[in-house]
């Protein structure tokens, strides 16, 4: 199963082939920054792909247009910027995204599977 590594936190999680980065993170019990909930509208979930951009699904025309102003010198980010809610995982990748963290479990409740 492919893995996604998130920098700078170093968090790693598995992704089913074709599952989006954000959906895989949420399935692994992580909180991924988003406003629109994964509809591709808010751009808050965007990531810089540090390694393995070819191991993500091809961006749709709508996604490519949405991130166009987030890349390169204009947006101050790297060449490979993707929306985590749209990018399907096809192999191991490393992305940069601040704010990704484990979901808090309310006091007195067990962690799932535990």
N, C-alpha and C. Protein backbone atom coordinates (compact mmCIF):
# COMPACT_ATOMS: atom_id res chain seq x y z
N UNK A 1 0.85 -1.17 0.00
CA UNK A 1 0.00 0.00 0.00
C UNK A 1 0.90 1.25 0.00
N UNK A 2 0.60 2.23 -0.82
CA UNK A 2 1.41 3.44 -0.88
C UNK A 2 1.39 4.20 0.45
N UNK A 3 2.46 4.95 0.71
CA UNK A 3 2.51 5.77 1.91
C UNK A 3 2.67 7.24 1.53
N UNK A 4 2.11 8.08 2.39
CA UNK A 4 2.23 9.52 2.25
C UNK A 4 2.98 10.01 3.48
N UNK A 5 4.03 10.78 3.27
CA UNK A 5 4.77 11.40 4.37
C UNK A 5 4.53 12.89 4.29
N UNK A 6 4.17 13.47 5.44
CA UNK A 6 3.88 14.89 5.52
C UNK A 6 5.02 15.59 6.25
N UNK A 7 5.60 16.58 5.61
CA UNK A 7 6.65 17.39 6.23
C UNK A 7 6.07 18.75 6.60
N UNK A 8 6.50 19.44 7.58
CA UNK A 8 7.68 19.15 8.38
C UNK A 8 7.43 18.23 9.57
N UNK A 9 6.19 17.76 9.75
CA UNK A 9 5.87 16.96 10.94
C UNK A 9 6.45 15.56 10.91
N UNK A 10 6.69 15.00 9.72
CA UNK A 10 7.19 13.64 9.61
C UNK A 10 6.11 12.58 9.76
N UNK A 11 4.85 12.99 9.82
CA UNK A 11 3.74 12.04 9.92
C UNK A 11 3.67 11.21 8.64
N UNK A 12 3.50 9.91 8.79
CA UNK A 12 3.37 9.00 7.65
C UNK A 12 2.10 8.18 7.82
N UNK A 13 1.39 7.96 6.72
CA UNK A 13 0.19 7.14 6.75
C UNK A 13 0.02 6.42 5.42
N UNK A 14 -0.75 5.35 5.46
CA UNK A 14 -1.00 4.55 4.26
C UNK A 14 -2.18 5.13 3.49
N UNK A 15 -2.18 4.90 2.19
CA UNK A 15 -3.27 5.33 1.33
C UNK A 15 -3.62 4.18 0.39
N UNK A 16 -4.89 3.89 0.28
CA UNK A 16 -5.32 2.90 -0.70
C UNK A 16 -5.07 3.47 -2.09
N UNK A 17 -4.67 2.66 -3.05
CA UNK A 17 -4.42 3.18 -4.39
C UNK A 17 -5.63 3.96 -4.92
N UNK A 18 -5.39 5.20 -5.35
CA UNK A 18 -6.44 6.05 -5.88
C UNK A 18 -7.12 6.93 -4.83
N UNK A 19 -6.94 6.60 -3.56
CA UNK A 19 -7.53 7.41 -2.49
C UNK A 19 -6.83 8.76 -2.47
N UNK A 20 -7.57 9.83 -2.21
CA UNK A 20 -6.93 11.14 -2.18
C UNK A 20 -6.06 11.27 -0.93
N UNK A 21 -5.09 12.16 -1.00
CA UNK A 21 -4.19 12.40 0.12
C UNK A 21 -5.01 12.75 1.36
N UNK A 22 -5.96 13.66 1.21
CA UNK A 22 -6.74 14.12 2.36
C UNK A 22 -7.63 13.01 2.91
N UNK A 23 -8.27 12.25 2.06
CA UNK A 23 -9.13 11.15 2.53
C UNK A 23 -8.32 10.10 3.26
N UNK A 24 -7.13 9.80 2.77
CA UNK A 24 -6.26 8.82 3.42
C UNK A 24 -5.82 9.33 4.80
N UNK A 25 -5.50 10.62 4.87
CA UNK A 25 -5.10 11.22 6.15
C UNK A 25 -6.25 11.14 7.15
N UNK A 26 -7.43 11.49 6.71
CA UNK A 26 -8.58 11.45 7.60
C UNK A 26 -8.89 10.02 8.05
N UNK A 27 -8.74 9.06 7.14
CA UNK A 27 -8.96 7.65 7.49
C UNK A 27 -7.93 7.16 8.51
N UNK A 28 -6.75 7.80 8.51
CA UNK A 28 -5.69 7.44 9.45
C UNK A 28 -5.83 8.18 10.78
N UNK A 29 -6.91 8.95 10.94
CA UNK A 29 -7.14 9.65 12.20
C UNK A 29 -6.46 10.99 12.30
N UNK A 30 -6.19 11.60 11.15
CA UNK A 30 -5.52 12.90 11.14
C UNK A 30 -6.51 14.01 10.81
N UNK A 31 -6.21 15.18 11.32
CA UNK A 31 -6.96 16.38 10.98
C UNK A 31 -6.20 17.06 9.85
N UNK A 32 -6.85 17.28 8.72
CA UNK A 32 -6.23 17.94 7.58
C UNK A 32 -6.90 19.30 7.40
N UNK A 33 -6.13 20.38 7.36
CA UNK A 33 -6.73 21.71 7.22
C UNK A 33 -7.59 21.81 5.95
N UNK A 34 -8.83 22.23 6.12
CA UNK A 34 -9.76 22.44 5.01
C UNK A 34 -10.89 23.33 5.50
N UNK A 35 -11.50 24.03 4.59
CA UNK A 35 -12.68 24.83 4.90
C UNK A 35 -13.90 24.23 4.20
N UNK A 36 -13.71 23.79 2.96
CA UNK A 36 -14.83 23.29 2.16
C UNK A 36 -15.11 21.81 2.38
N UNK A 37 -14.28 21.13 3.17
CA UNK A 37 -14.52 19.72 3.47
C UNK A 37 -14.11 18.76 2.36
N UNK A 38 -13.31 19.22 1.44
CA UNK A 38 -12.82 18.32 0.40
C UNK A 38 -13.50 18.47 -0.94
N UNK A 39 -14.16 19.59 -1.18
CA UNK A 39 -14.84 19.81 -2.46
C UNK A 39 -13.95 20.47 -3.52
N UNK A 40 -12.74 20.86 -3.13
CA UNK A 40 -11.84 21.49 -4.09
C UNK A 40 -12.12 22.96 -4.31
N UNK A 41 -12.91 23.57 -3.43
CA UNK A 41 -13.30 24.97 -3.61
C UNK A 41 -12.43 25.97 -2.86
N UNK A 42 -11.95 25.61 -1.67
CA UNK A 42 -11.32 26.60 -0.78
C UNK A 42 -9.81 26.73 -0.96
N UNK A 43 -9.15 25.74 -1.49
CA UNK A 43 -7.70 25.68 -1.71
C UNK A 43 -6.89 25.56 -0.41
N UNK A 44 -7.54 25.51 0.73
CA UNK A 44 -6.84 25.44 2.02
C UNK A 44 -6.05 24.14 2.15
N UNK A 45 -6.48 23.08 1.54
CA UNK A 45 -5.83 21.77 1.68
C UNK A 45 -4.59 21.61 0.81
N UNK A 46 -4.23 22.62 0.03
CA UNK A 46 -3.13 22.47 -0.94
C UNK A 46 -1.83 22.04 -0.27
N UNK A 47 -1.05 21.30 -1.03
CA UNK A 47 0.26 20.81 -0.58
C UNK A 47 1.30 21.11 -1.64
N UNK A 48 2.55 21.22 -1.20
CA UNK A 48 3.68 21.21 -2.11
C UNK A 48 4.17 19.77 -2.14
N UNK A 49 4.31 19.20 -3.32
CA UNK A 49 4.78 17.83 -3.44
C UNK A 49 6.30 17.87 -3.52
N UNK A 50 6.94 17.33 -2.48
CA UNK A 50 8.39 17.38 -2.37
C UNK A 50 9.06 16.21 -3.07
N UNK A 51 8.38 15.06 -3.11
CA UNK A 51 8.93 13.87 -3.77
C UNK A 51 7.79 13.02 -4.30
N UNK A 52 7.95 12.54 -5.52
CA UNK A 52 6.99 11.63 -6.14
C UNK A 52 5.78 12.27 -6.77
N UNK A 53 5.89 13.46 -7.37
CA UNK A 53 4.69 14.06 -7.98
C UNK A 53 4.07 13.17 -9.05
N UNK A 54 4.89 12.36 -9.70
CA UNK A 54 4.39 11.46 -10.74
C UNK A 54 3.60 10.30 -10.14
N UNK A 55 3.65 10.14 -8.83
CA UNK A 55 2.92 9.06 -8.16
C UNK A 55 1.55 9.51 -7.65
N UNK A 56 1.13 10.69 -8.12
CA UNK A 56 -0.22 11.17 -7.84
C UNK A 56 -0.99 11.18 -9.15
N UNK A 57 -2.31 11.08 -9.05
CA UNK A 57 -3.14 11.13 -10.25
C UNK A 57 -2.92 12.46 -10.97
N UNK A 58 -3.19 12.47 -12.26
CA UNK A 58 -3.07 13.71 -13.03
C UNK A 58 -4.11 14.71 -12.52
N UNK A 59 -3.73 15.98 -12.40
CA UNK A 59 -4.72 16.97 -11.96
C UNK A 59 -5.78 17.21 -13.04
N UNK A 60 -7.01 17.40 -12.60
CA UNK A 60 -8.06 17.76 -13.55
C UNK A 60 -7.80 19.19 -14.01
N UNK A 61 -8.47 19.60 -15.06
CA UNK A 61 -8.31 20.97 -15.57
C UNK A 61 -8.73 21.97 -14.49
N UNK A 62 -9.79 21.65 -13.75
CA UNK A 62 -10.27 22.55 -12.70
C UNK A 62 -9.24 22.69 -11.58
N UNK A 63 -8.62 21.57 -11.17
CA UNK A 63 -7.60 21.64 -10.12
C UNK A 63 -6.38 22.41 -10.61
N UNK A 64 -5.93 22.14 -11.83
CA UNK A 64 -4.76 22.84 -12.38
C UNK A 64 -5.00 24.34 -12.41
N UNK A 65 -6.19 24.75 -12.80
CA UNK A 65 -6.52 26.17 -12.84
C UNK A 65 -6.57 26.75 -11.43
N UNK A 66 -7.10 25.99 -10.49
CA UNK A 66 -7.24 26.47 -9.11
C UNK A 66 -5.90 26.73 -8.45
N UNK A 67 -4.90 25.88 -8.71
CA UNK A 67 -3.61 26.02 -8.04
C UNK A 67 -2.59 26.85 -8.83
N UNK A 68 -2.97 27.27 -10.01
CA UNK A 68 -2.04 28.00 -10.88
C UNK A 68 -1.39 29.19 -10.15
N UNK A 69 -2.13 29.94 -9.39
CA UNK A 69 -1.58 31.11 -8.70
C UNK A 69 -0.90 30.77 -7.38
N UNK A 70 -0.88 29.49 -7.01
CA UNK A 70 -0.21 29.07 -5.78
C UNK A 70 1.20 28.57 -6.04
N UNK A 71 1.60 28.43 -7.30
CA UNK A 71 2.88 27.82 -7.64
C UNK A 71 3.94 28.85 -7.98
N UNK A 72 5.17 28.39 -7.95
CA UNK A 72 6.30 29.18 -8.41
C UNK A 72 6.51 30.47 -7.63
N UNK A 73 7.11 31.45 -8.29
CA UNK A 73 7.49 32.68 -7.61
C UNK A 73 6.29 33.50 -7.17
N UNK A 74 5.17 33.41 -7.89
CA UNK A 74 3.99 34.20 -7.50
C UNK A 74 3.43 33.73 -6.16
N UNK A 75 3.27 32.43 -6.00
CA UNK A 75 2.70 31.91 -4.77
C UNK A 75 3.73 31.57 -3.71
N UNK A 76 5.00 31.59 -4.10
CA UNK A 76 6.06 31.30 -3.15
C UNK A 76 6.19 29.83 -2.80
N UNK A 77 5.53 28.96 -3.55
CA UNK A 77 5.60 27.53 -3.30
C UNK A 77 6.34 26.85 -4.44
N UNK A 78 6.57 25.57 -4.28
CA UNK A 78 7.32 24.83 -5.30
C UNK A 78 6.56 24.66 -6.59
N UNK A 79 7.20 23.95 -7.49
CA UNK A 79 6.63 23.72 -8.82
C UNK A 79 5.41 22.81 -8.78
N UNK A 80 5.41 21.85 -7.86
CA UNK A 80 4.34 20.85 -7.81
C UNK A 80 3.41 21.13 -6.64
N UNK A 81 2.36 21.88 -6.90
CA UNK A 81 1.34 22.17 -5.89
C UNK A 81 0.07 21.45 -6.30
N UNK A 82 -0.52 20.74 -5.35
CA UNK A 82 -1.74 19.98 -5.61
C UNK A 82 -2.75 20.23 -4.50
N UNK A 83 -4.01 19.95 -4.78
CA UNK A 83 -5.03 19.97 -3.75
C UNK A 83 -5.09 18.57 -3.15
N UNK A 84 -4.90 18.47 -1.85
CA UNK A 84 -4.89 17.17 -1.19
C UNK A 84 -6.23 16.46 -1.32
N UNK A 85 -7.31 17.21 -1.49
CA UNK A 85 -8.63 16.60 -1.63
C UNK A 85 -8.88 16.07 -3.03
N UNK A 86 -8.00 16.38 -3.97
CA UNK A 86 -8.19 15.95 -5.36
C UNK A 86 -7.10 14.99 -5.84
N UNK A 87 -5.93 15.03 -5.24
CA UNK A 87 -4.78 14.25 -5.70
C UNK A 87 -4.88 12.81 -5.23
N UNK A 88 -5.11 11.89 -6.14
CA UNK A 88 -5.17 10.47 -5.83
C UNK A 88 -3.78 9.88 -5.73
N UNK A 89 -3.56 9.06 -4.73
CA UNK A 89 -2.24 8.47 -4.48
C UNK A 89 -2.07 7.20 -5.30
N UNK A 90 -0.96 7.11 -6.05
CA UNK A 90 -0.64 5.92 -6.85
C UNK A 90 0.66 5.27 -6.42
N UNK A 91 1.36 5.91 -5.49
CA UNK A 91 2.65 5.41 -5.00
C UNK A 91 3.11 6.30 -3.87
N UNK A 92 4.27 5.99 -3.31
CA UNK A 92 4.78 6.75 -2.17
C UNK A 92 5.07 8.20 -2.57
N UNK A 93 4.62 9.12 -1.72
CA UNK A 93 4.85 10.54 -1.96
C UNK A 93 5.23 11.24 -0.66
N UNK A 94 5.91 12.38 -0.81
CA UNK A 94 6.23 13.25 0.32
C UNK A 94 5.66 14.61 -0.01
N UNK A 95 4.84 15.13 0.91
CA UNK A 95 4.23 16.44 0.70
C UNK A 95 4.56 17.36 1.87
N UNK A 96 4.46 18.64 1.63
CA UNK A 96 4.65 19.61 2.70
C UNK A 96 3.31 20.26 3.01
N UNK A 97 2.90 20.16 4.28
CA UNK A 97 1.66 20.79 4.72
C UNK A 97 1.74 21.03 6.22
N UNK A 98 1.63 22.26 6.62
CA UNK A 98 1.61 22.58 8.05
C UNK A 98 0.18 22.45 8.57
N UNK A 99 0.06 22.10 9.84
CA UNK A 99 -1.25 22.01 10.46
C UNK A 99 -1.87 20.63 10.47
N UNK A 100 -1.21 19.65 9.86
CA UNK A 100 -1.71 18.28 9.89
C UNK A 100 -1.34 17.70 11.25
N UNK A 101 -2.33 17.13 11.92
CA UNK A 101 -2.05 16.56 13.25
C UNK A 101 -3.06 15.48 13.58
N UNK A 102 -2.72 14.69 14.58
CA UNK A 102 -3.63 13.65 15.05
C UNK A 102 -4.86 14.31 15.65
N UNK A 103 -6.02 13.69 15.43
CA UNK A 103 -7.25 14.21 16.05
C UNK A 103 -7.18 13.96 17.54
N UNK A 104 -7.69 14.90 18.28
CA UNK A 104 -7.74 14.73 19.73
C UNK A 104 -8.86 13.78 20.09
N UNK A 105 -8.58 12.93 21.04
CA UNK A 105 -9.59 11.99 21.53
C UNK A 105 -10.08 12.53 22.87
N UNK A 106 -11.39 12.74 23.01
CA UNK A 106 -11.91 13.26 24.27
C UNK A 106 -11.49 12.37 25.46
N UNK A 107 -11.21 13.01 26.56
CA UNK A 107 -10.81 12.30 27.77
C UNK A 107 -11.84 11.24 28.13
N UNK A 108 -11.37 10.06 28.46
CA UNK A 108 -12.26 8.97 28.86
C UNK A 108 -12.71 8.09 27.71
N UNK A 109 -12.33 8.42 26.49
CA UNK A 109 -12.68 7.58 25.35
C UNK A 109 -11.43 6.87 24.85
N UNK A 110 -11.64 5.66 24.34
CA UNK A 110 -10.52 4.90 23.80
C UNK A 110 -10.29 5.29 22.35
N UNK A 111 -9.04 5.11 21.94
CA UNK A 111 -8.69 5.31 20.55
C UNK A 111 -9.33 4.17 19.74
N UNK A 112 -9.78 4.46 18.50
CA UNK A 112 -10.35 3.39 17.68
C UNK A 112 -9.42 2.19 17.57
N UNK A 113 -9.97 1.02 17.72
CA UNK A 113 -9.20 -0.21 17.61
C UNK A 113 -8.42 -0.52 18.88
N UNK A 114 -8.63 0.26 19.93
CA UNK A 114 -7.81 0.06 21.09
C UNK A 114 -8.61 -0.17 22.29
